[in-house]
Amino acid sequence: MPYSPIQMAEAFIRAGELPDALDALDAHLTAQPADDIARRLRIEVRRRIGSDDDLRAALDDLAAL
């Protein structure tokens, strides 16, 4: 059975592969845009990445909650 995007995101976060985690969370939220838990997780990943673009996107996610 293949892993879900959210399971992949969690594994990537544990491994420190934040850009890959962000890609997996993006895929998950495309399929399930109302998943606020995943959105909060994506905010945290973007905050940890810390680029200006990621921080702006984190604010957009925060506004969507």
C-alpha atoms as a PDB file:
ATOM      1  CA  MET A   1       0.000   0.000   0.000  1.00  0.00           C
ATOM      2  CA  PRO A   2       1.544   3.349  -1.017  1.00  0.00           C
ATOM      3  CA  TYR A   3       2.087   6.079   1.557  1.00  0.00           C
ATOM      4  CA  SER A   4      -0.240   9.071   1.573  1.00  0.00           C
ATOM      5  CA  PRO A   5       1.166  12.563   0.959  1.00  0.00           C
ATOM      6  CA  ILE A   6       0.684  13.434   4.638  1.00  0.00           C
ATOM      7  CA  GLN A   7       2.616  10.326   5.714  1.00  0.00           C
ATOM      8  CA  MET A   8       5.369  11.254   3.286  1.00  0.00           C
ATOM      9  CA  ALA A   9       5.423  14.810   4.652  1.00  0.00           C
ATOM     10  CA  GLU A  10       5.811  13.549   8.205  1.00  0.00           C
ATOM     11  CA  ALA A  11       8.678  11.251   7.156  1.00  0.00           C
ATOM     12  CA  PHE A  12      10.406  14.081   5.293  1.00  0.00           C
ATOM     13  CA  ILE A  13      10.076  16.363   8.321  1.00  0.00           C
ATOM     14  CA  ARG A  14      11.638  13.725  10.583  1.00  0.00           C
ATOM     15  CA  ALA A  15      14.491  13.367   8.074  1.00  0.00           C
ATOM     16  CA  GLY A  16      14.981  17.138   7.878  1.00  0.00           C
ATOM     17  CA  GLU A  17      14.020  17.243   4.194  1.00  0.00           C
ATOM     18  CA  LEU A  18      11.809  20.315   4.502  1.00  0.00           C
ATOM     19  CA  PRO A  19      11.429  21.177   0.787  1.00  0.00           C
ATOM     20  CA  ASP A  20      10.240  17.617   0.121  1.00  0.00           C
ATOM     21  CA  ALA A  21       7.884  17.844   3.102  1.00  0.00           C
ATOM     22  CA  LEU A  22       6.480  21.066   1.680  1.00  0.00           C
ATOM     23  CA  ASP A  23       5.886  19.410  -1.702  1.00  0.00           C
ATOM     24  CA  ALA A  24       4.041  16.531  -0.024  1.00  0.00           C
ATOM     25  CA  LEU A  25       1.933  18.907   2.069  1.00  0.00           C
ATOM     26  CA  ASP A  26       1.097  20.936  -1.038  1.00  0.00           C
ATOM     27  CA  ALA A  27      -0.109  17.745  -2.740  1.00  0.00           C
ATOM     28  CA  HIS A  28      -2.161  16.757   0.284  1.00  0.00           C
ATOM     29  CA  LEU A  29      -3.780  20.183   0.615  1.00  0.00           C
ATOM     30  CA  THR A  30      -4.583  20.267  -3.089  1.00  0.00           C
ATOM     31  CA  ALA A  31      -6.596  17.085  -2.589  1.00  0.00           C
ATOM     32  CA  GLN A  32      -7.957  18.060   0.847  1.00  0.00           C
ATOM     33  CA  PRO A  33      -8.005  21.862   1.143  1.00  0.00           C
ATOM     34  CA  ALA A  34     -10.078  21.835   4.350  1.00  0.00           C
ATOM     35  CA  ASP A  35      -7.465  19.893   6.346  1.00  0.00           C
ATOM     36  CA  ASP A  36      -6.513  22.513   8.920  1.00  0.00           C
ATOM     37  CA  ILE A  37      -4.086  20.163  10.686  1.00  0.00           C
ATOM     38  CA  ALA A  38      -2.083  19.770   7.470  1.00  0.00           C
ATOM     39  CA  ARG A  39      -2.279  23.523   6.882  1.00  0.00           C
ATOM     40  CA  ARG A  40      -0.829  24.167  10.349  1.00  0.00           C
ATOM     41  CA  LEU A  41       1.921  21.665   9.645  1.00  0.00           C
ATOM     42  CA  ARG A  42       2.690  23.434   6.362  1.00  0.00           C
ATOM     43  CA  ILE A  43       2.898  26.753   8.243  1.00  0.00           C
ATOM     44  CA  GLU A  44       5.455  25.210  10.593  1.00  0.00           C
ATOM     45  CA  VAL A  45       7.502  23.772   7.714  1.00  0.00           C
ATOM     46  CA  ARG A  46       7.478  27.110   5.915  1.00  0.00           C
ATOM     47  CA  ARG A  47       8.486  28.893   9.119  1.00  0.00           C
ATOM     48  CA  ARG A  48      11.405  26.503   9.562  1.00  0.00           C
ATOM     49  CA  ILE A  49      12.539  27.017   5.961  1.00  0.00           C
ATOM     50  CA  GLY A  50      12.423  30.733   6.695  1.00  0.00           C
ATOM     51  CA  SER A  51      12.807  32.319   3.274  1.00  0.00           C
ATOM     52  CA  ASP A  52      10.857  35.510   2.651  1.00  0.00           C
ATOM     53  CA  ASP A  53       8.614  33.734   0.146  1.00  0.00           C
ATOM     54  CA  ASP A  54       7.915  30.877   2.547  1.00  0.00           C
ATOM     55  CA  LEU A  55       7.131  33.251   5.404  1.00  0.00           C
ATOM     56  CA  ARG A  56       4.704  35.187   3.206  1.00  0.00           C
ATOM     57  CA  ALA A  57       3.063  31.922   2.140  1.00  0.00           C
ATOM     58  CA  ALA A  58       2.836  30.884   5.808  1.00  0.00           C
ATOM     59  CA  LEU A  59       0.942  34.094   6.510  1.00  0.00           C
ATOM     60  CA  ASP A  60      -1.446  33.250   3.661  1.00  0.00           C
ATOM     61  CA  ASP A  61      -2.012  29.820   5.201  1.00  0.00           C
ATOM     62  CA  LEU A  62      -2.586  31.403   8.590  1.00  0.00           C
ATOM     63  CA  ALA A  63      -5.209  33.708   7.090  1.00  0.00           C
ATOM     64  CA  ALA A  64      -6.920  30.688   5.515  1.00  0.00           C
ATOM     65  CA  LEU A  65      -7.401  28.984   8.898  1.00  0.00           C
END
